[in-house]
N, C-alpha and C. Protein backbone atom coordinates (compact mmCIF):
# COMPACT_ATOMS: atom_id res chain seq x y z
N MET A 1 -37.36 -41.42 -7.69
CA MET A 1 -38.34 -42.14 -6.90
C MET A 1 -37.60 -42.98 -5.85
N LYS A 2 -38.10 -42.91 -4.62
CA LYS A 2 -37.52 -43.67 -3.53
C LYS A 2 -38.49 -44.73 -3.04
N LYS A 3 -37.93 -45.73 -2.37
CA LYS A 3 -38.74 -46.75 -1.69
C LYS A 3 -38.74 -46.38 -0.21
N ILE A 4 -39.90 -46.03 0.29
CA ILE A 4 -40.02 -45.50 1.64
C ILE A 4 -40.83 -46.44 2.52
N LEU A 5 -40.25 -46.78 3.66
CA LEU A 5 -40.94 -47.59 4.66
C LEU A 5 -41.33 -46.68 5.80
N ILE A 6 -42.61 -46.62 6.07
CA ILE A 6 -43.11 -45.83 7.20
C ILE A 6 -43.47 -46.80 8.31
N MET A 7 -42.82 -46.61 9.47
CA MET A 7 -43.05 -47.47 10.61
C MET A 7 -43.79 -46.67 11.69
N LEU A 8 -44.96 -47.16 12.05
CA LEU A 8 -45.76 -46.55 13.11
C LEU A 8 -45.60 -47.41 14.36
N ALA A 9 -44.99 -46.84 15.39
CA ALA A 9 -44.72 -47.59 16.62
C ALA A 9 -45.65 -47.19 17.76
N ASN A 10 -46.79 -46.63 17.43
CA ASN A 10 -47.84 -46.42 18.42
C ASN A 10 -48.84 -47.55 18.18
N PRO A 11 -49.13 -48.37 19.19
CA PRO A 11 -50.06 -49.49 18.98
C PRO A 11 -51.44 -49.04 18.50
N ASP A 12 -51.78 -47.77 18.71
CA ASP A 12 -53.08 -47.23 18.31
C ASP A 12 -52.91 -46.51 16.96
N LYS A 13 -53.36 -47.14 15.88
CA LYS A 13 -53.23 -46.53 14.55
C LYS A 13 -54.05 -45.25 14.40
N ASP A 14 -55.06 -45.08 15.25
CA ASP A 14 -55.91 -43.89 15.16
C ASP A 14 -55.40 -42.75 16.05
N SER A 15 -54.19 -42.88 16.56
CA SER A 15 -53.57 -41.86 17.41
C SER A 15 -53.08 -40.69 16.56
N PHE A 16 -52.63 -39.65 17.24
CA PHE A 16 -52.01 -38.52 16.56
C PHE A 16 -50.79 -38.99 15.77
N ASN A 17 -50.00 -39.91 16.34
CA ASN A 17 -48.88 -40.50 15.59
C ASN A 17 -49.36 -41.13 14.30
N GLY A 18 -50.47 -41.85 14.37
CA GLY A 18 -51.03 -42.47 13.17
C GLY A 18 -51.40 -41.45 12.11
N ARG A 19 -51.99 -40.35 12.54
CA ARG A 19 -52.35 -39.28 11.59
C ARG A 19 -51.11 -38.68 10.95
N LEU A 20 -50.09 -38.46 11.75
CA LEU A 20 -48.84 -37.90 11.21
C LEU A 20 -48.20 -38.85 10.20
N ALA A 21 -48.15 -40.14 10.55
CA ALA A 21 -47.54 -41.13 9.66
C ALA A 21 -48.32 -41.25 8.36
N LYS A 22 -49.63 -41.24 8.44
CA LYS A 22 -50.45 -41.34 7.22
C LYS A 22 -50.29 -40.11 6.34
N ALA A 23 -50.14 -38.93 6.95
CA ALA A 23 -49.92 -37.71 6.17
C ALA A 23 -48.57 -37.77 5.47
N TYR A 24 -47.55 -38.23 6.16
CA TYR A 24 -46.22 -38.39 5.58
C TYR A 24 -46.29 -39.34 4.38
N ALA A 25 -47.01 -40.44 4.56
CA ALA A 25 -47.18 -41.42 3.47
C ALA A 25 -47.88 -40.79 2.28
N ALA A 26 -48.92 -40.01 2.54
CA ALA A 26 -49.67 -39.36 1.45
C ALA A 26 -48.77 -38.41 0.68
N GLY A 27 -47.95 -37.63 1.39
CA GLY A 27 -47.02 -36.71 0.72
C GLY A 27 -45.99 -37.46 -0.10
N ALA A 28 -45.48 -38.55 0.45
CA ALA A 28 -44.47 -39.34 -0.27
C ALA A 28 -45.05 -39.97 -1.53
N LYS A 29 -46.27 -40.51 -1.43
CA LYS A 29 -46.92 -41.11 -2.60
C LYS A 29 -47.21 -40.07 -3.66
N LYS A 30 -47.67 -38.91 -3.23
CA LYS A 30 -48.01 -37.84 -4.18
C LYS A 30 -46.79 -37.40 -4.99
N SER A 31 -45.60 -37.52 -4.39
CA SER A 31 -44.36 -37.16 -5.08
C SER A 31 -43.83 -38.29 -5.95
N GLY A 32 -44.58 -39.39 -6.06
CA GLY A 32 -44.19 -40.49 -6.95
C GLY A 32 -43.33 -41.56 -6.31
N ASN A 33 -43.18 -41.54 -5.00
CA ASN A 33 -42.39 -42.56 -4.32
C ASN A 33 -43.20 -43.82 -4.08
N LYS A 34 -42.51 -44.94 -3.93
CA LYS A 34 -43.15 -46.19 -3.53
C LYS A 34 -43.16 -46.21 -2.01
N VAL A 35 -44.30 -46.55 -1.42
CA VAL A 35 -44.45 -46.49 0.03
C VAL A 35 -44.99 -47.80 0.58
N LYS A 36 -44.36 -48.27 1.65
CA LYS A 36 -44.91 -49.38 2.44
C LYS A 36 -45.17 -48.84 3.84
N PHE A 37 -46.25 -49.31 4.46
CA PHE A 37 -46.64 -48.85 5.79
C PHE A 37 -46.61 -50.04 6.74
N LEU A 38 -45.87 -49.91 7.83
CA LEU A 38 -45.73 -50.99 8.79
C LEU A 38 -46.21 -50.49 10.16
N ALA A 39 -47.38 -50.96 10.58
CA ALA A 39 -47.93 -50.62 11.90
C ALA A 39 -47.53 -51.71 12.88
N LEU A 40 -46.62 -51.41 13.79
CA LEU A 40 -46.10 -52.43 14.69
C LEU A 40 -47.20 -53.05 15.55
N GLY A 41 -48.23 -52.28 15.87
CA GLY A 41 -49.33 -52.80 16.67
C GLY A 41 -50.12 -53.90 15.98
N ASP A 42 -50.00 -54.01 14.66
CA ASP A 42 -50.70 -55.05 13.91
C ASP A 42 -49.88 -56.35 13.80
N LEU A 43 -48.59 -56.28 14.14
CA LEU A 43 -47.73 -57.45 13.98
C LEU A 43 -47.95 -58.43 15.12
N LYS A 44 -47.87 -59.70 14.78
CA LYS A 44 -47.98 -60.77 15.77
C LYS A 44 -46.56 -61.28 16.04
N PHE A 45 -46.03 -60.90 17.22
CA PHE A 45 -44.69 -61.36 17.60
C PHE A 45 -44.51 -61.21 19.10
N ASN A 46 -43.60 -61.99 19.62
CA ASN A 46 -43.24 -61.91 21.02
C ASN A 46 -42.08 -60.93 21.14
N PRO A 47 -42.26 -59.80 21.83
CA PRO A 47 -41.20 -58.79 21.91
C PRO A 47 -40.11 -59.12 22.93
N ILE A 48 -40.24 -60.22 23.64
CA ILE A 48 -39.31 -60.55 24.72
C ILE A 48 -38.21 -61.49 24.22
N LEU A 49 -36.98 -61.13 24.52
CA LEU A 49 -35.84 -62.02 24.25
C LEU A 49 -35.69 -62.93 25.46
N HIS A 50 -36.19 -64.12 25.37
CA HIS A 50 -36.22 -65.01 26.53
C HIS A 50 -34.85 -65.49 26.97
N LYS A 51 -33.89 -65.55 26.06
CA LYS A 51 -32.54 -65.97 26.42
C LYS A 51 -31.51 -64.94 25.99
N GLY A 52 -31.97 -63.69 25.89
CA GLY A 52 -31.06 -62.65 25.42
C GLY A 52 -30.59 -62.99 24.02
N TYR A 53 -29.35 -62.68 23.72
CA TYR A 53 -28.82 -62.98 22.39
C TYR A 53 -27.96 -64.24 22.38
N LYS A 54 -27.92 -64.97 23.50
CA LYS A 54 -27.11 -66.20 23.47
C LYS A 54 -27.82 -67.30 22.69
N GLU A 55 -29.12 -67.15 22.51
CA GLU A 55 -29.88 -68.09 21.67
C GLU A 55 -30.92 -67.28 20.90
N ILE A 56 -30.77 -67.19 19.59
CA ILE A 56 -31.67 -66.38 18.78
C ILE A 56 -32.99 -67.13 18.59
N GLN A 57 -34.08 -66.47 18.95
CA GLN A 57 -35.42 -67.05 18.76
C GLN A 57 -35.78 -67.04 17.28
N ALA A 58 -36.49 -68.05 16.86
CA ALA A 58 -36.99 -68.07 15.49
C ALA A 58 -37.92 -66.88 15.30
N LEU A 59 -37.79 -66.20 14.16
CA LEU A 59 -38.63 -65.03 13.89
C LEU A 59 -40.01 -65.45 13.41
N GLU A 60 -41.02 -64.79 13.94
CA GLU A 60 -42.39 -65.00 13.48
C GLU A 60 -42.52 -64.48 12.05
N PRO A 61 -43.52 -64.97 11.30
CA PRO A 61 -43.70 -64.52 9.91
C PRO A 61 -43.79 -63.00 9.77
N ASP A 62 -44.47 -62.32 10.70
CA ASP A 62 -44.58 -60.86 10.61
C ASP A 62 -43.22 -60.18 10.75
N LEU A 63 -42.33 -60.75 11.56
CA LEU A 63 -40.99 -60.16 11.71
C LEU A 63 -40.13 -60.44 10.48
N LEU A 64 -40.27 -61.62 9.90
CA LEU A 64 -39.55 -61.91 8.65
C LEU A 64 -39.99 -60.95 7.55
N SER A 65 -41.29 -60.69 7.48
CA SER A 65 -41.82 -59.74 6.50
C SER A 65 -41.30 -58.32 6.77
N ALA A 66 -41.22 -57.94 8.05
CA ALA A 66 -40.71 -56.62 8.41
C ALA A 66 -39.24 -56.48 8.00
N GLN A 67 -38.45 -57.54 8.19
CA GLN A 67 -37.06 -57.50 7.75
C GLN A 67 -36.97 -57.28 6.23
N GLU A 68 -37.82 -57.96 5.49
CA GLU A 68 -37.82 -57.79 4.03
C GLU A 68 -38.17 -56.35 3.66
N SER A 69 -39.11 -55.76 4.38
CA SER A 69 -39.49 -54.36 4.11
C SER A 69 -38.34 -53.41 4.40
N ILE A 70 -37.60 -53.67 5.46
CA ILE A 70 -36.44 -52.83 5.79
C ILE A 70 -35.36 -52.98 4.71
N LYS A 71 -35.12 -54.20 4.26
CA LYS A 71 -34.13 -54.41 3.19
C LYS A 71 -34.57 -53.72 1.90
N TRP A 72 -35.88 -53.71 1.63
CA TRP A 72 -36.44 -53.10 0.43
C TRP A 72 -36.27 -51.58 0.43
N ALA A 73 -36.36 -50.97 1.60
CA ALA A 73 -36.44 -49.52 1.71
C ALA A 73 -35.12 -48.80 1.45
N ASP A 74 -35.26 -47.61 0.84
CA ASP A 74 -34.15 -46.66 0.74
C ASP A 74 -34.18 -45.72 1.95
N HIS A 75 -35.39 -45.49 2.45
CA HIS A 75 -35.60 -44.50 3.51
C HIS A 75 -36.65 -45.04 4.48
N ILE A 76 -36.42 -44.81 5.76
CA ILE A 76 -37.35 -45.23 6.81
C ILE A 76 -37.82 -44.00 7.56
N ALA A 77 -39.12 -43.88 7.73
CA ALA A 77 -39.69 -42.82 8.57
C ALA A 77 -40.33 -43.50 9.77
N LEU A 78 -39.80 -43.20 10.94
CA LEU A 78 -40.26 -43.84 12.17
C LEU A 78 -41.06 -42.83 13.00
N PHE A 79 -42.29 -43.20 13.32
CA PHE A 79 -43.19 -42.37 14.14
C PHE A 79 -43.48 -43.11 15.43
N TYR A 80 -43.29 -42.43 16.56
CA TYR A 80 -43.61 -43.06 17.85
C TYR A 80 -43.89 -42.01 18.92
N PRO A 81 -44.66 -42.39 19.94
CA PRO A 81 -44.86 -41.50 21.08
C PRO A 81 -43.75 -41.71 22.10
N THR A 82 -43.37 -40.66 22.79
CA THR A 82 -42.40 -40.76 23.87
C THR A 82 -43.18 -41.07 25.14
N TRP A 83 -42.92 -42.25 25.69
CA TRP A 83 -43.58 -42.68 26.93
C TRP A 83 -42.49 -42.90 27.97
N TRP A 84 -42.64 -42.28 29.13
CA TRP A 84 -41.65 -42.38 30.20
C TRP A 84 -40.25 -42.02 29.69
N GLY A 85 -40.20 -41.03 28.82
CA GLY A 85 -38.92 -40.52 28.34
C GLY A 85 -38.25 -41.33 27.27
N THR A 86 -38.92 -42.38 26.79
CA THR A 86 -38.27 -43.23 25.79
C THR A 86 -39.30 -43.81 24.82
N MET A 87 -38.88 -44.76 24.03
CA MET A 87 -39.75 -45.38 23.03
C MET A 87 -40.72 -46.35 23.70
N PRO A 88 -41.87 -46.61 23.07
CA PRO A 88 -42.79 -47.61 23.61
C PRO A 88 -42.16 -49.01 23.60
N ALA A 89 -42.61 -49.85 24.50
CA ALA A 89 -42.08 -51.21 24.63
C ALA A 89 -42.17 -51.99 23.31
N ILE A 90 -43.23 -51.77 22.55
CA ILE A 90 -43.39 -52.52 21.30
C ILE A 90 -42.25 -52.20 20.33
N LEU A 91 -41.79 -50.95 20.32
CA LEU A 91 -40.70 -50.57 19.43
C LEU A 91 -39.38 -51.16 19.91
N LYS A 92 -39.13 -51.11 21.20
CA LYS A 92 -37.90 -51.70 21.75
C LYS A 92 -37.88 -53.20 21.48
N GLY A 93 -39.01 -53.88 21.71
CA GLY A 93 -39.08 -55.32 21.43
C GLY A 93 -38.88 -55.63 19.96
N PHE A 94 -39.42 -54.79 19.10
CA PHE A 94 -39.25 -54.94 17.65
C PHE A 94 -37.77 -54.85 17.28
N PHE A 95 -37.09 -53.82 17.77
CA PHE A 95 -35.65 -53.68 17.50
C PHE A 95 -34.88 -54.88 18.05
N ASP A 96 -35.19 -55.27 19.30
CA ASP A 96 -34.49 -56.41 19.91
C ASP A 96 -34.61 -57.67 19.07
N ARG A 97 -35.78 -57.90 18.53
CA ARG A 97 -36.04 -59.15 17.83
C ARG A 97 -35.52 -59.19 16.40
N ILE A 98 -35.54 -58.05 15.66
CA ILE A 98 -35.17 -58.17 14.24
C ILE A 98 -33.85 -57.54 13.84
N PHE A 99 -33.32 -56.62 14.61
CA PHE A 99 -32.03 -56.02 14.25
C PHE A 99 -30.92 -56.93 14.77
N LEU A 100 -30.79 -58.06 14.11
CA LEU A 100 -29.95 -59.17 14.56
C LEU A 100 -28.64 -59.24 13.79
N PRO A 101 -27.63 -59.92 14.38
CA PRO A 101 -26.41 -60.20 13.62
C PRO A 101 -26.76 -61.00 12.36
N GLY A 102 -26.15 -60.61 11.27
CA GLY A 102 -26.43 -61.28 9.99
C GLY A 102 -27.51 -60.56 9.19
N PHE A 103 -28.32 -59.77 9.86
CA PHE A 103 -29.33 -58.96 9.18
C PHE A 103 -28.94 -57.49 9.23
N ALA A 104 -28.71 -56.97 10.42
CA ALA A 104 -28.46 -55.54 10.60
C ALA A 104 -26.97 -55.21 10.74
N PHE A 105 -26.21 -56.15 11.25
CA PHE A 105 -24.78 -55.94 11.46
C PHE A 105 -24.09 -57.30 11.51
N SER A 106 -22.77 -57.26 11.44
CA SER A 106 -21.99 -58.50 11.53
C SER A 106 -20.67 -58.16 12.20
N PHE A 107 -20.44 -58.75 13.38
CA PHE A 107 -19.17 -58.52 14.07
C PHE A 107 -18.04 -59.20 13.32
N HIS A 108 -16.88 -58.55 13.30
CA HIS A 108 -15.69 -59.16 12.70
C HIS A 108 -15.24 -60.31 13.60
N LYS A 109 -14.78 -61.37 12.96
CA LYS A 109 -14.35 -62.55 13.73
C LYS A 109 -13.10 -62.24 14.56
N LYS A 110 -12.26 -61.36 14.03
CA LYS A 110 -11.06 -60.95 14.76
C LYS A 110 -11.15 -59.45 15.00
N GLY A 111 -10.85 -59.03 16.18
CA GLY A 111 -10.89 -57.61 16.51
C GLY A 111 -12.25 -57.20 17.05
N SER A 112 -12.44 -55.91 17.18
CA SER A 112 -13.66 -55.41 17.80
C SER A 112 -14.58 -54.68 16.83
N GLY A 113 -14.33 -54.73 15.55
CA GLY A 113 -15.14 -54.01 14.59
C GLY A 113 -16.37 -54.78 14.15
N TRP A 114 -17.16 -54.14 13.32
CA TRP A 114 -18.36 -54.76 12.77
C TRP A 114 -18.70 -54.13 11.43
N ASP A 115 -19.46 -54.87 10.64
CA ASP A 115 -19.97 -54.37 9.37
C ASP A 115 -21.40 -53.90 9.57
N LYS A 116 -21.71 -52.76 8.99
CA LYS A 116 -23.05 -52.17 9.06
C LYS A 116 -23.83 -52.65 7.85
N LEU A 117 -24.68 -53.64 8.04
CA LEU A 117 -25.34 -54.32 6.92
C LEU A 117 -26.53 -53.56 6.35
N LEU A 118 -26.97 -52.48 6.99
CA LEU A 118 -28.10 -51.70 6.46
C LEU A 118 -27.65 -50.35 5.90
N LYS A 119 -26.36 -50.27 5.54
CA LYS A 119 -25.80 -49.04 4.96
C LYS A 119 -26.57 -48.66 3.69
N GLY A 120 -26.55 -47.36 3.40
CA GLY A 120 -27.18 -46.86 2.19
C GLY A 120 -28.61 -46.39 2.42
N ARG A 121 -29.13 -46.59 3.61
CA ARG A 121 -30.50 -46.16 3.93
C ARG A 121 -30.44 -44.90 4.78
N THR A 122 -31.49 -44.10 4.66
CA THR A 122 -31.62 -42.91 5.49
C THR A 122 -32.89 -43.03 6.33
N ALA A 123 -33.01 -42.12 7.30
CA ALA A 123 -34.18 -42.18 8.17
C ALA A 123 -34.59 -40.80 8.65
N HIS A 124 -35.86 -40.68 8.93
CA HIS A 124 -36.44 -39.58 9.70
C HIS A 124 -37.02 -40.20 10.96
N ILE A 125 -36.77 -39.57 12.09
CA ILE A 125 -37.33 -40.03 13.37
C ILE A 125 -38.26 -38.93 13.86
N ILE A 126 -39.53 -39.27 14.03
CA ILE A 126 -40.53 -38.30 14.48
C ILE A 126 -41.13 -38.80 15.78
N ALA A 127 -40.86 -38.08 16.86
CA ALA A 127 -41.33 -38.48 18.18
C ALA A 127 -42.28 -37.42 18.74
N THR A 128 -43.43 -37.88 19.22
CA THR A 128 -44.35 -36.97 19.90
C THR A 128 -44.16 -37.14 21.40
N MET A 129 -44.55 -36.10 22.13
CA MET A 129 -44.44 -36.14 23.60
C MET A 129 -45.43 -35.18 24.22
N ASP A 130 -45.81 -35.47 25.44
CA ASP A 130 -46.71 -34.58 26.16
C ASP A 130 -45.96 -33.44 26.83
N SER A 131 -44.68 -33.58 27.02
CA SER A 131 -43.88 -32.49 27.59
C SER A 131 -43.35 -31.62 26.44
N PRO A 132 -42.96 -30.41 26.74
CA PRO A 132 -42.34 -29.59 25.70
C PRO A 132 -41.00 -30.20 25.26
N PRO A 133 -40.69 -30.17 23.97
CA PRO A 133 -39.42 -30.73 23.50
C PRO A 133 -38.19 -30.16 24.22
N LEU A 134 -38.24 -28.90 24.63
CA LEU A 134 -37.11 -28.31 25.34
C LEU A 134 -36.84 -29.05 26.65
N ILE A 135 -37.89 -29.43 27.36
CA ILE A 135 -37.75 -30.19 28.60
C ILE A 135 -37.10 -31.55 28.29
N ASN A 136 -37.56 -32.19 27.21
CA ASN A 136 -36.99 -33.46 26.79
C ASN A 136 -35.49 -33.31 26.51
N CYS A 137 -35.13 -32.20 25.87
CA CYS A 137 -33.71 -31.96 25.54
C CYS A 137 -32.89 -31.67 26.79
N LEU A 138 -33.41 -30.81 27.66
CA LEU A 138 -32.64 -30.38 28.83
C LEU A 138 -32.52 -31.47 29.89
N ILE A 139 -33.61 -32.14 30.18
CA ILE A 139 -33.60 -33.13 31.26
C ILE A 139 -33.15 -34.50 30.76
N LEU A 140 -33.71 -34.95 29.65
CA LEU A 140 -33.40 -36.29 29.15
C LEU A 140 -32.36 -36.29 28.04
N ARG A 141 -32.00 -35.10 27.58
CA ARG A 141 -31.02 -34.93 26.51
C ARG A 141 -31.40 -35.70 25.24
N GLY A 142 -32.72 -35.74 24.98
CA GLY A 142 -33.20 -36.41 23.76
C GLY A 142 -32.81 -37.87 23.71
N ALA A 143 -32.87 -38.54 24.86
CA ALA A 143 -32.34 -39.90 24.99
C ALA A 143 -32.91 -40.87 23.97
N SER A 144 -34.23 -40.93 23.81
CA SER A 144 -34.78 -41.96 22.93
C SER A 144 -34.40 -41.73 21.47
N GLU A 145 -34.45 -40.47 21.03
CA GLU A 145 -34.09 -40.19 19.63
C GLU A 145 -32.60 -40.48 19.40
N ARG A 146 -31.78 -40.16 20.40
CA ARG A 146 -30.34 -40.40 20.29
C ARG A 146 -30.03 -41.89 20.27
N ILE A 147 -30.71 -42.65 21.12
CA ILE A 147 -30.49 -44.10 21.14
C ILE A 147 -30.86 -44.71 19.79
N ILE A 148 -32.02 -44.29 19.24
CA ILE A 148 -32.45 -44.84 17.96
C ILE A 148 -31.51 -44.40 16.83
N SER A 149 -31.21 -43.10 16.76
CA SER A 149 -30.41 -42.61 15.62
C SER A 149 -28.96 -43.08 15.66
N THR A 150 -28.37 -43.16 16.85
CA THR A 150 -26.96 -43.53 16.96
C THR A 150 -26.77 -44.99 17.36
N GLY A 151 -27.44 -45.38 18.45
CA GLY A 151 -27.21 -46.70 19.01
C GLY A 151 -27.85 -47.84 18.24
N ILE A 152 -28.90 -47.55 17.47
CA ILE A 152 -29.56 -48.61 16.70
C ILE A 152 -29.35 -48.38 15.20
N PHE A 153 -29.97 -47.32 14.67
CA PHE A 153 -29.84 -47.07 13.23
C PHE A 153 -28.37 -46.86 12.84
N GLY A 154 -27.67 -45.98 13.53
CA GLY A 154 -26.28 -45.70 13.19
C GLY A 154 -25.39 -46.92 13.29
N PHE A 155 -25.59 -47.73 14.32
CA PHE A 155 -24.81 -48.95 14.51
C PHE A 155 -24.97 -49.88 13.31
N CYS A 156 -26.14 -49.86 12.69
CA CYS A 156 -26.44 -50.75 11.56
C CYS A 156 -26.22 -50.10 10.20
N GLY A 157 -25.85 -48.81 10.18
CA GLY A 157 -25.55 -48.13 8.93
C GLY A 157 -26.63 -47.23 8.38
N ILE A 158 -27.75 -47.10 9.08
CA ILE A 158 -28.84 -46.21 8.63
C ILE A 158 -28.52 -44.79 9.09
N LYS A 159 -28.46 -43.86 8.15
CA LYS A 159 -28.12 -42.46 8.47
C LYS A 159 -29.38 -41.66 8.76
N THR A 160 -29.48 -41.15 9.97
CA THR A 160 -30.63 -40.33 10.35
C THR A 160 -30.45 -38.93 9.78
N LYS A 161 -31.40 -38.50 8.94
CA LYS A 161 -31.36 -37.17 8.33
C LYS A 161 -32.05 -36.12 9.18
N LYS A 162 -33.13 -36.52 9.85
CA LYS A 162 -33.90 -35.58 10.68
C LYS A 162 -34.43 -36.28 11.91
N LYS A 163 -34.38 -35.54 13.04
CA LYS A 163 -35.05 -35.96 14.27
C LYS A 163 -36.01 -34.83 14.62
N ILE A 164 -37.28 -35.14 14.64
CA ILE A 164 -38.29 -34.12 14.92
C ILE A 164 -39.02 -34.50 16.20
N LYS A 165 -39.05 -33.55 17.14
CA LYS A 165 -39.77 -33.74 18.41
C LYS A 165 -40.99 -32.84 18.39
N ILE A 166 -42.14 -33.42 18.63
CA ILE A 166 -43.40 -32.67 18.59
C ILE A 166 -44.05 -32.72 19.96
N GLY A 167 -44.24 -31.57 20.57
CA GLY A 167 -44.88 -31.50 21.88
C GLY A 167 -45.12 -30.06 22.27
N ALA A 168 -45.76 -29.84 23.32
CA ALA A 168 -46.46 -30.73 24.23
C ALA A 168 -47.85 -31.04 23.66
N VAL A 169 -47.97 -32.25 23.11
CA VAL A 169 -49.17 -32.65 22.37
C VAL A 169 -50.44 -32.54 23.21
N LYS A 170 -50.35 -32.84 24.49
CA LYS A 170 -51.55 -32.80 25.34
C LYS A 170 -52.17 -31.40 25.38
N ASN A 171 -51.39 -30.37 25.07
CA ASN A 171 -51.89 -29.00 25.08
C ASN A 171 -52.23 -28.47 23.70
N PHE A 172 -52.07 -29.29 22.66
CA PHE A 172 -52.31 -28.84 21.28
C PHE A 172 -53.80 -28.65 21.01
N SER A 173 -54.12 -27.59 20.32
CA SER A 173 -55.47 -27.41 19.80
C SER A 173 -55.60 -28.27 18.55
N ASP A 174 -56.83 -28.46 18.09
CA ASP A 174 -57.05 -29.20 16.84
C ASP A 174 -56.34 -28.50 15.69
N GLU A 175 -56.33 -27.18 15.71
CA GLU A 175 -55.69 -26.41 14.65
C GLU A 175 -54.18 -26.66 14.63
N LYS A 176 -53.56 -26.70 15.82
CA LYS A 176 -52.11 -26.95 15.87
C LYS A 176 -51.80 -28.37 15.42
N LYS A 177 -52.64 -29.33 15.79
CA LYS A 177 -52.44 -30.71 15.31
C LYS A 177 -52.50 -30.76 13.80
N GLU A 178 -53.48 -30.06 13.21
CA GLU A 178 -53.62 -30.05 11.75
C GLU A 178 -52.40 -29.43 11.08
N LYS A 179 -51.80 -28.41 11.71
CA LYS A 179 -50.58 -27.81 11.16
C LYS A 179 -49.46 -28.84 11.12
N TRP A 180 -49.34 -29.64 12.17
CA TRP A 180 -48.31 -30.68 12.19
C TRP A 180 -48.60 -31.77 11.16
N VAL A 181 -49.86 -32.10 10.99
CA VAL A 181 -50.23 -33.08 9.95
C VAL A 181 -49.80 -32.54 8.59
N GLY A 182 -50.04 -31.26 8.33
CA GLY A 182 -49.61 -30.64 7.08
C GLY A 182 -48.10 -30.64 6.91
N LYS A 183 -47.37 -30.38 8.00
CA LYS A 183 -45.90 -30.39 7.93
C LYS A 183 -45.38 -31.79 7.59
N MET A 184 -46.04 -32.82 8.12
CA MET A 184 -45.59 -34.19 7.82
C MET A 184 -45.88 -34.56 6.37
N LYS A 185 -47.02 -34.10 5.85
CA LYS A 185 -47.33 -34.36 4.44
C LYS A 185 -46.28 -33.68 3.56
N GLU A 186 -45.91 -32.47 3.93
CA GLU A 186 -44.89 -31.73 3.18
C GLU A 186 -43.53 -32.43 3.27
N LEU A 187 -43.17 -32.87 4.47
CA LEU A 187 -41.88 -33.56 4.65
C LEU A 187 -41.82 -34.85 3.82
N GLY A 188 -42.89 -35.63 3.86
CA GLY A 188 -42.94 -36.85 3.05
C GLY A 188 -42.87 -36.54 1.56
N GLY A 189 -43.43 -35.42 1.15
CA GLY A 189 -43.45 -35.02 -0.25
C GLY A 189 -42.12 -34.55 -0.78
N ARG A 190 -41.20 -34.22 0.10
CA ARG A 190 -39.87 -33.73 -0.33
C ARG A 190 -38.86 -34.84 -0.53
N LEU A 191 -39.30 -36.09 -0.47
CA LEU A 191 -38.35 -37.21 -0.51
C LEU A 191 -37.95 -37.67 -1.90
N SER A 192 -38.62 -37.22 -2.92
CA SER A 192 -38.31 -37.75 -4.26
C SER A 192 -36.97 -37.26 -4.76
């Protein structure tokens, strides 16, 4: 049994991303895993770093709770739409605000190294897009998934097991959407 945190980074919980995330959660629960669901659109927080990292802003209660959920989890499943070739602003602001020194990483006092404080966790990254995934790969080189898996999760010690790109969603029939919902339920069910 695993502890799974599902993060929905589409502000609209009733979106296709929301359906995919809920299906993944249902599959994970059915396999006997413990599941927490974190809808970023429901959190009350300021996503803007007003002074960058030279002065750390106090975390709002919802962000403190989100940090606890990340510490609790063995596995994170992140669902988000690709907007303008990258992650939605709410997800970027979320990462900026909570993946902080002392929580996600710790720079060595001497030298240029750092400790990855979220080691031991795995992740699935599921991104939807209106363009075909091949276009995303060829033109953007999968920029948002790469930034999240390597530049954020990897930097903090979270090992990305799968990156799934789903598109071109705007052209999907209801039947094709349902097939993807089924695939996510199956993927979540294989986590035990």
